[in-house]
Amino acid sequence: MRILVVEDEQILRESLKRELAAAGFSVDVAADGEEGLYAGREFPVDLAIIDLGLPKLPGLDLIRTLRAERHTFPILVLTARDRWQDKVAGLDAGADDYVTKPFQFEEVIARVQALLRRAGGWASPVLSCGPVVLDLRSQTVAVHGEAVDLTTFEYRLLEHMMMRAGDVISKAELTERLYEQDFERDSNTIEVFMGRLRRKLDPDDKLQPIETLRGRGYRFALPRDPN
């Protein structure tokens, strides 16, 4: 999943990028509101973390503009602890949740994960599609109760597909979601990872959890268990 962090304090911005990347997210960063607006318009963002006190374009104006342009990805606001008015204003502008400074990175990551799964229609942090179970908290995957060892990119790929189980997702979208903007990409990377993922999840070729729709993309085909 791809996260946009819009924060003008360099140390905090880089710390958020590092911690979110360590939690398995692809992360883009912006240092001011105008840069954040460009990224929100141009990048395939799954969630944005936006500080309200931004230069060039204030955070509230950035949120309002994104919502006015019908960008529906979840937005998590960063705000000072003693300004409850900012929290209310952020939510009124279209944000979905907020975190007060100073904060623990674990809280930010937990709120990010909660917003993403709710956006995907999941009530629980455990994504279960038949025998395939993915735990967002521990970033573990099991099939028929047996743990499956995945690389970072294999896990990211599976997480994104299970979050949107049943949807057709193009190769281009998967590439954009897996990699940051400046990452060197190979046109065959998705096919390679998809092949590895299929072999690990379904070595006997009985489940067939991932469908290829020629010319359209891929779909995680196993139905979601009831939440």
C-alpha atoms as a PDB file:
ATOM      1  CA  MET A   1       0.000   0.000   0.000  1.00  0.00           C
ATOM      2  CA  ARG A   2       1.262   3.480  -0.878  1.00  0.00           C
ATOM      3  CA  ILE A   3       1.336   6.263   1.722  1.00  0.00           C
ATOM      4  CA  LEU A   4       1.854   9.985   1.142  1.00  0.00           C
ATOM      5  CA  VAL A   5       3.397  11.940   4.042  1.00  0.00           C
ATOM      6  CA  VAL A   6       3.050  15.742   3.866  1.00  0.00           C
ATOM      7  CA  GLU A   7       5.126  17.232   6.706  1.00  0.00           C
ATOM      8  CA  ASP A   8       7.400  20.291   6.689  1.00  0.00           C
ATOM      9  CA  GLU A   9       9.599  19.251   9.632  1.00  0.00           C
ATOM     10  CA  GLN A  10      12.395  17.300   7.957  1.00  0.00           C
ATOM     11  CA  ILE A  11      13.351  15.114  10.918  1.00  0.00           C
ATOM     12  CA  LEU A  12       9.740  14.095  11.535  1.00  0.00           C
ATOM     13  CA  ARG A  13       9.074  13.609   7.825  1.00  0.00           C
ATOM     14  CA  GLU A  14      12.047  11.314   7.386  1.00  0.00           C
ATOM     15  CA  SER A  15      11.248   9.451  10.597  1.00  0.00           C
ATOM     16  CA  LEU A  16       7.708   8.801   9.423  1.00  0.00           C
ATOM     17  CA  LYS A  17       8.994   7.596   6.069  1.00  0.00           C
ATOM     18  CA  ARG A  18      11.469   5.247   7.734  1.00  0.00           C
ATOM     19  CA  GLU A  19       8.965   3.798  10.225  1.00  0.00           C
ATOM     20  CA  LEU A  20       6.216   3.341   7.643  1.00  0.00           C
ATOM     21  CA  ALA A  21       8.629   1.688   5.216  1.00  0.00           C
ATOM     22  CA  ALA A  22       9.743  -0.657   7.993  1.00  0.00           C
ATOM     23  CA  ALA A  23       6.059  -1.530   8.513  1.00  0.00           C
ATOM     24  CA  GLY A  24       5.823  -2.623   4.879  1.00  0.00           C
ATOM     25  CA  PHE A  25       4.427   0.470   3.155  1.00  0.00           C
ATOM     26  CA  SER A  26       5.649   2.241   0.054  1.00  0.00           C
ATOM     27  CA  VAL A  27       6.107   5.895   1.089  1.00  0.00           C
ATOM     28  CA  ASP A  28       6.229   9.198  -0.816  1.00  0.00           C
ATOM     29  CA  VAL A  29       6.973  12.441   1.037  1.00  0.00           C
ATOM     30  CA  ALA A  30       6.258  16.135   0.470  1.00  0.00           C
ATOM     31  CA  ALA A  31       7.671  19.096   2.406  1.00  0.00           C
ATOM     32  CA  ASP A  32       4.895  21.635   1.806  1.00  0.00           C
ATOM     33  CA  GLY A  33       1.240  21.861   0.846  1.00  0.00           C
ATOM     34  CA  GLU A  34       1.797  22.597  -2.837  1.00  0.00           C
ATOM     35  CA  GLU A  35       4.118  19.622  -3.226  1.00  0.00           C
ATOM     36  CA  GLY A  36       1.613  17.520  -1.313  1.00  0.00           C
ATOM     37  CA  LEU A  37      -1.211  18.589  -3.627  1.00  0.00           C
ATOM     38  CA  TYR A  38       0.844  17.638  -6.680  1.00  0.00           C
ATOM     39  CA  ALA A  39       1.621  14.213  -5.185  1.00  0.00           C
ATOM     40  CA  GLY A  40      -2.005  13.649  -4.195  1.00  0.00           C
ATOM     41  CA  ARG A  41      -3.103  14.432  -7.734  1.00  0.00           C
ATOM     42  CA  GLU A  42      -0.405  12.535  -9.621  1.00  0.00           C
ATOM     43  CA  PHE A  43       0.458   9.492  -7.482  1.00  0.00           C
ATOM     44  CA  PRO A  44      -1.808   6.465  -6.804  1.00  0.00           C
ATOM     45  CA  VAL A  45      -2.117   7.215  -3.086  1.00  0.00           C
ATOM     46  CA  ASP A  46      -3.840   4.731  -0.764  1.00  0.00           C
ATOM     47  CA  LEU A  47      -3.663   7.028   2.284  1.00  0.00           C
ATOM     48  CA  ALA A  48      -2.245  10.471   3.117  1.00  0.00           C
ATOM     49  CA  ILE A  49      -0.776  11.718   6.389  1.00  0.00           C
ATOM     50  CA  ILE A  50      -1.047  15.510   6.423  1.00  0.00           C
ATOM     51  CA  ASP A  51       0.287  18.030   8.927  1.00  0.00           C
ATOM     52  CA  LEU A  52      -1.991  21.029   9.324  1.00  0.00           C
ATOM     53  CA  GLY A  53       0.788  23.610   9.752  1.00  0.00           C
ATOM     54  CA  LEU A  54       2.247  23.466   6.239  1.00  0.00           C
ATOM     55  CA  PRO A  55       3.986  26.246   4.275  1.00  0.00           C
ATOM     56  CA  LYS A  56       2.792  27.443   0.843  1.00  0.00           C
ATOM     57  CA  LEU A  57      -0.595  25.699   1.156  1.00  0.00           C
ATOM     58  CA  PRO A  58      -2.003  25.092   4.672  1.00  0.00           C
ATOM     59  CA  GLY A  59      -2.997  21.553   5.563  1.00  0.00           C
ATOM     60  CA  LEU A  60      -6.704  22.383   5.841  1.00  0.00           C
ATOM     61  CA  ASP A  61      -6.711  23.926   2.363  1.00  0.00           C
ATOM     62  CA  LEU A  62      -4.837  20.922   1.011  1.00  0.00           C
ATOM     63  CA  ILE A  63      -7.444  18.548   2.453  1.00  0.00           C
ATOM     64  CA  ARG A  64     -10.347  20.635   1.177  1.00  0.00           C
ATOM     65  CA  THR A  65      -8.834  20.791  -2.306  1.00  0.00           C
ATOM     66  CA  LEU A  66      -8.226  17.055  -2.480  1.00  0.00           C
ATOM     67  CA  ARG A  67     -11.779  16.333  -1.371  1.00  0.00           C
ATOM     68  CA  ALA A  68     -13.231  18.911  -3.761  1.00  0.00           C
ATOM     69  CA  GLU A  69     -11.382  17.127  -6.571  1.00  0.00           C
ATOM     70  CA  ARG A  70     -12.965  13.831  -5.435  1.00  0.00           C
ATOM     71  CA  HIS A  71      -9.846  12.137  -4.113  1.00  0.00           C
ATOM     72  CA  THR A  72     -11.357   9.647  -1.693  1.00  0.00           C
ATOM     73  CA  PHE A  73      -8.288   8.017  -0.102  1.00  0.00           C
ATOM     74  CA  PRO A  74      -8.254   8.172   3.725  1.00  0.00           C
ATOM     75  CA  ILE A  75      -6.501  11.144   5.330  1.00  0.00           C
ATOM     76  CA  LEU A  76      -4.827  11.090   8.742  1.00  0.00           C
ATOM     77  CA  VAL A  77      -4.175  14.542  10.216  1.00  0.00           C
ATOM     78  CA  LEU A  78      -1.185  15.468  12.390  1.00  0.00           C
ATOM     79  CA  THR A  79      -2.025  18.216  14.870  1.00  0.00           C
ATOM     80  CA  ALA A  80      -0.739  19.812  18.086  1.00  0.00           C
ATOM     81  CA  ARG A  81      -2.064  18.358  21.338  1.00  0.00           C
ATOM     82  CA  ASP A  82      -3.385  21.667  22.704  1.00  0.00           C
ATOM     83  CA  ARG A  83      -5.379  22.715  19.648  1.00  0.00           C
ATOM     84  CA  TRP A  84      -8.618  20.736  19.772  1.00  0.00           C
ATOM     85  CA  GLN A  85     -10.090  23.232  17.305  1.00  0.00           C
ATOM     86  CA  ASP A  86      -7.609  22.007  14.676  1.00  0.00           C
ATOM     87  CA  LYS A  87      -8.806  18.443  15.166  1.00  0.00           C
ATOM     88  CA  VAL A  88     -12.413  19.452  14.576  1.00  0.00           C
ATOM     89  CA  ALA A  89     -11.462  21.625  11.598  1.00  0.00           C
ATOM     90  CA  GLY A  90      -9.444  18.793  10.050  1.00  0.00           C
ATOM     91  CA  LEU A  91     -12.318  16.339  10.329  1.00  0.00           C
ATOM     92  CA  ASP A  92     -14.770  18.927   8.985  1.00  0.00           C
ATOM     93  CA  ALA A  93     -12.463  19.533   6.001  1.00  0.00           C
ATOM     94  CA  GLY A  94     -12.607  15.854   5.066  1.00  0.00           C
ATOM     95  CA  ALA A  95      -9.959  14.072   7.140  1.00  0.00           C
ATOM     96  CA  ASP A  96     -10.822  10.647   8.528  1.00  0.00           C
ATOM     97  CA  ASP A  97      -8.785  10.591  11.747  1.00  0.00           C
ATOM     98  CA  TYR A  98      -6.083  12.510  13.594  1.00  0.00           C
ATOM     99  CA  VAL A  99      -2.999  11.957  15.723  1.00  0.00           C
ATOM    100  CA  THR A 100      -1.744  14.569  18.170  1.00  0.00           C
ATOM    101  CA  LYS A 101       1.922  15.568  18.463  1.00  0.00           C
ATOM    102  CA  PRO A 102       4.055  14.290  20.051  1.00  0.00           C
ATOM    103  CA  PHE A 103       3.021  10.763  19.176  1.00  0.00           C
ATOM    104  CA  GLN A 104       4.344   7.231  19.174  1.00  0.00           C
ATOM    105  CA  PHE A 105       5.010   5.815  15.719  1.00  0.00           C
ATOM    106  CA  GLU A 106       3.177   2.653  16.738  1.00  0.00           C
ATOM    107  CA  GLU A 107      -0.008   4.704  17.135  1.00  0.00           C
ATOM    108  CA  VAL A 108       0.377   6.252  13.682  1.00  0.00           C
ATOM    109  CA  ILE A 109       0.916   2.847  12.073  1.00  0.00           C
ATOM    110  CA  ALA A 110      -2.064   1.351  13.914  1.00  0.00           C
ATOM    111  CA  ARG A 111      -4.323   4.193  12.766  1.00  0.00           C
ATOM    112  CA  VAL A 112      -3.015   3.915   9.204  1.00  0.00           C
ATOM    113  CA  GLN A 113      -3.727   0.187   9.130  1.00  0.00           C
ATOM    114  CA  ALA A 114      -7.207   0.704  10.589  1.00  0.00           C
ATOM    115  CA  LEU A 115      -8.096   3.363   8.004  1.00  0.00           C
ATOM    116  CA  LEU A 116      -6.809   1.243   5.135  1.00  0.00           C
ATOM    117  CA  ARG A 117      -8.708  -1.883   6.109  1.00  0.00           C
ATOM    118  CA  ARG A 118     -11.915   0.080   6.679  1.00  0.00           C
ATOM    119  CA  ALA A 119     -11.494   1.647   3.252  1.00  0.00           C
ATOM    120  CA  GLY A 120     -11.179  -1.871   1.858  1.00  0.00           C
ATOM    121  CA  GLY A 121     -14.329  -3.016   3.651  1.00  0.00           C
ATOM    122  CA  TRP A 122     -12.585  -5.084   6.327  1.00  0.00           C
ATOM    123  CA  ALA A 123     -13.685  -4.780   9.965  1.00  0.00           C
ATOM    124  CA  SER A 124     -10.854  -6.897  11.365  1.00  0.00           C
ATOM    125  CA  PRO A 125      -7.056  -6.637  11.007  1.00  0.00           C
ATOM    126  CA  VAL A 126      -7.108 -10.317  10.066  1.00  0.00           C
ATOM    127  CA  LEU A 127      -7.979 -10.705   6.376  1.00  0.00           C
ATOM    128  CA  SER A 128      -9.454 -14.126   5.786  1.00  0.00           C
ATOM    129  CA  CYS A 129     -10.369 -15.551   2.383  1.00  0.00           C
ATOM    130  CA  GLY A 130     -11.108 -19.222   2.810  1.00  0.00           C
ATOM    131  CA  PRO A 131      -7.893 -21.023   3.824  1.00  0.00           C
ATOM    132  CA  VAL A 132      -5.704 -17.950   3.166  1.00  0.00           C
ATOM    133  CA  VAL A 133      -5.330 -15.727   6.244  1.00  0.00           C
ATOM    134  CA  LEU A 134      -3.267 -12.517   6.385  1.00  0.00           C
ATOM    135  CA  ASP A 135      -2.701 -10.728   9.706  1.00  0.00           C
ATOM    136  CA  LEU A 136      -2.005  -7.025   9.178  1.00  0.00           C
ATOM    137  CA  ARG A 137      -0.652  -6.573  12.707  1.00  0.00           C
ATOM    138  CA  SER A 138       2.033  -9.239  12.563  1.00  0.00           C
ATOM    139  CA  GLN A 139       2.373  -9.190   8.754  1.00  0.00           C
ATOM    140  CA  THR A 140       2.086 -12.950   8.644  1.00  0.00           C
ATOM    141  CA  VAL A 141       0.319 -15.222   6.164  1.00  0.00           C
ATOM    142  CA  ALA A 142      -0.999 -18.734   6.641  1.00  0.00           C
ATOM    143  CA  VAL A 143      -2.707 -21.240   4.335  1.00  0.00           C
ATOM    144  CA  HIS A 144      -4.743 -23.991   5.981  1.00  0.00           C
ATOM    145  CA  GLY A 145      -3.158 -22.931   9.271  1.00  0.00           C
ATOM    146  CA  GLU A 146       0.398 -23.371   8.001  1.00  0.00           C
ATOM    147  CA  ALA A 147       2.676 -20.314   7.964  1.00  0.00           C
ATOM    148  CA  VAL A 148       3.863 -19.135   4.539  1.00  0.00           C
ATOM    149  CA  ASP A 149       7.214 -17.361   4.317  1.00  0.00           C
ATOM    150  CA  LEU A 150       6.985 -14.350   1.988  1.00  0.00           C
ATOM    151  CA  THR A 151       9.489 -11.710   0.969  1.00  0.00           C
ATOM    152  CA  THR A 152       8.663  -8.046   1.575  1.00  0.00           C
ATOM    153  CA  PHE A 153       7.429  -7.474  -1.968  1.00  0.00           C
ATOM    154  CA  GLU A 154       5.477 -10.734  -2.058  1.00  0.00           C
ATOM    155  CA  TYR A 155       3.746  -9.720   1.167  1.00  0.00           C
ATOM    156  CA  ARG A 156       2.966  -6.222  -0.143  1.00  0.00           C
ATOM    157  CA  LEU A 157       1.516  -7.693  -3.311  1.00  0.00           C
ATOM    158  CA  LEU A 158      -0.680 -10.166  -1.448  1.00  0.00           C
ATOM    159  CA  GLU A 159      -1.813  -7.565   1.096  1.00  0.00           C
ATOM    160  CA  HIS A 160      -2.949  -5.180  -1.629  1.00  0.00           C
ATOM    161  CA  MET A 161      -4.786  -7.906  -3.526  1.00  0.00           C
ATOM    162  CA  MET A 162      -6.514  -9.320  -0.440  1.00  0.00           C
ATOM    163  CA  MET A 163      -7.505  -5.832   0.719  1.00  0.00           C
ATOM    164  CA  ARG A 164      -9.398  -5.616  -2.575  1.00  0.00           C
ATOM    165  CA  ALA A 165     -10.369  -9.265  -2.909  1.00  0.00           C
ATOM    166  CA  GLY A 166     -12.693  -9.741  -5.858  1.00  0.00           C
ATOM    167  CA  ASP A 167     -11.541  -6.603  -7.696  1.00  0.00           C
ATOM    168  CA  VAL A 168      -9.577  -6.687 -10.947  1.00  0.00           C
ATOM    169  CA  ILE A 169      -6.286  -4.830 -10.452  1.00  0.00           C
ATOM    170  CA  SER A 170      -4.088  -3.900 -13.398  1.00  0.00           C
ATOM    171  CA  LYS A 171      -0.374  -4.611 -13.544  1.00  0.00           C
ATOM    172  CA  ALA A 172       0.268  -0.870 -13.794  1.00  0.00           C
ATOM    173  CA  GLU A 173      -1.658  -0.208 -10.596  1.00  0.00           C
ATOM    174  CA  LEU A 174       0.155  -2.956  -8.722  1.00  0.00           C
ATOM    175  CA  THR A 175       3.498  -1.554  -9.871  1.00  0.00           C
ATOM    176  CA  GLU A 176       2.552   1.952  -8.722  1.00  0.00           C
ATOM    177  CA  ARG A 177       1.328   0.683  -5.356  1.00  0.00           C
ATOM    178  CA  LEU A 178       4.434  -1.405  -4.669  1.00  0.00           C
ATOM    179  CA  TYR A 179       7.129   1.086  -5.569  1.00  0.00           C
ATOM    180  CA  GLU A 180       7.992   4.633  -4.640  1.00  0.00           C
ATOM    181  CA  GLN A 181       8.215   7.198  -7.416  1.00  0.00           C
ATOM    182  CA  ASP A 182      11.997   7.128  -7.819  1.00  0.00           C
ATOM    183  CA  PHE A 183      12.388   3.334  -7.710  1.00  0.00           C
ATOM    184  CA  GLU A 184      13.879   1.587 -10.739  1.00  0.00           C
ATOM    185  CA  ARG A 185      11.146  -0.640 -12.162  1.00  0.00           C
ATOM    186  CA  ASP A 186      11.300  -3.625 -14.451  1.00  0.00           C
ATOM    187  CA  SER A 187       8.317  -4.368 -16.658  1.00  0.00           C
ATOM    188  CA  ASN A 188       8.389  -8.073 -15.735  1.00  0.00           C
ATOM    189  CA  THR A 189       8.674  -7.595 -11.959  1.00  0.00           C
ATOM    190  CA  ILE A 190       4.980  -8.078 -11.209  1.00  0.00           C
ATOM    191  CA  GLU A 191       4.810 -11.300 -13.233  1.00  0.00           C
ATOM    192  CA  VAL A 192       7.847 -12.660 -11.379  1.00  0.00           C
ATOM    193  CA  PHE A 193       6.423 -11.871  -7.951  1.00  0.00           C
ATOM    194  CA  MET A 194       2.982 -13.163  -8.943  1.00  0.00           C
ATOM    195  CA  GLY A 195       4.488 -16.470 -10.032  1.00  0.00           C
ATOM    196  CA  ARG A 196       6.388 -16.839  -6.759  1.00  0.00           C
ATOM    197  CA  LEU A 197       3.302 -15.925  -4.755  1.00  0.00           C
ATOM    198  CA  ARG A 198       1.159 -18.488  -6.536  1.00  0.00           C
ATOM    199  CA  ARG A 199       3.705 -21.240  -5.901  1.00  0.00           C
ATOM    200  CA  LYS A 200       3.954 -20.399  -2.199  1.00  0.00           C
ATOM    201  CA  LEU A 201       0.226 -20.077  -1.586  1.00  0.00           C
ATOM    202  CA  ASP A 202      -0.863 -22.938  -3.806  1.00  0.00           C
ATOM    203  CA  PRO A 203       1.973 -25.386  -4.486  1.00  0.00           C
ATOM    204  CA  ASP A 204      -0.476 -28.127  -5.542  1.00  0.00           C
ATOM    205  CA  ASP A 205      -2.452 -25.802  -7.829  1.00  0.00           C
ATOM    206  CA  LYS A 206      -5.716 -26.675  -6.079  1.00  0.00           C
ATOM    207  CA  LEU A 207      -6.812 -23.355  -4.573  1.00  0.00           C
ATOM    208  CA  GLN A 208      -6.015 -21.091  -7.523  1.00  0.00           C
ATOM    209  CA  PRO A 209      -6.344 -17.963  -5.359  1.00  0.00           C
ATOM    210  CA  ILE A 210      -5.032 -15.540  -8.004  1.00  0.00           C
ATOM    211  CA  GLU A 211      -6.648 -15.193 -11.412  1.00  0.00           C
ATOM    212  CA  THR A 212      -5.007 -13.635 -14.454  1.00  0.00           C
ATOM    213  CA  LEU A 213      -7.413 -11.744 -16.688  1.00  0.00           C
ATOM    214  CA  ARG A 214      -5.625 -11.294 -19.986  1.00  0.00           C
ATOM    215  CA  GLY A 215      -5.254  -7.644 -20.915  1.00  0.00           C
ATOM    216  CA  ARG A 216      -6.922  -6.497 -17.687  1.00  0.00           C
ATOM    217  CA  GLY A 217      -4.805  -7.589 -14.738  1.00  0.00           C
ATOM    218  CA  TYR A 218      -5.136  -9.866 -11.742  1.00  0.00           C
ATOM    219  CA  ARG A 219      -7.793 -10.723  -9.174  1.00  0.00           C
ATOM    220  CA  PHE A 220      -7.650 -12.413  -5.777  1.00  0.00           C
ATOM    221  CA  ALA A 221     -10.443 -14.881  -6.459  1.00  0.00           C
ATOM    222  CA  LEU A 222     -11.089 -16.556  -3.109  1.00  0.00           C
ATOM    223  CA  PRO A 223     -14.194 -15.019  -1.494  1.00  0.00           C
ATOM    224  CA  ARG A 224     -13.885 -13.035   1.715  1.00  0.00           C
ATOM    225  CA  ASP A 225     -15.029 -14.695   4.901  1.00  0.00           C
ATOM    226  CA  PRO A 226     -17.794 -12.788   6.713  1.00  0.00           C
ATOM    227  CA  ASN A 227     -16.353 -10.102   9.045  1.00  0.00           C
END
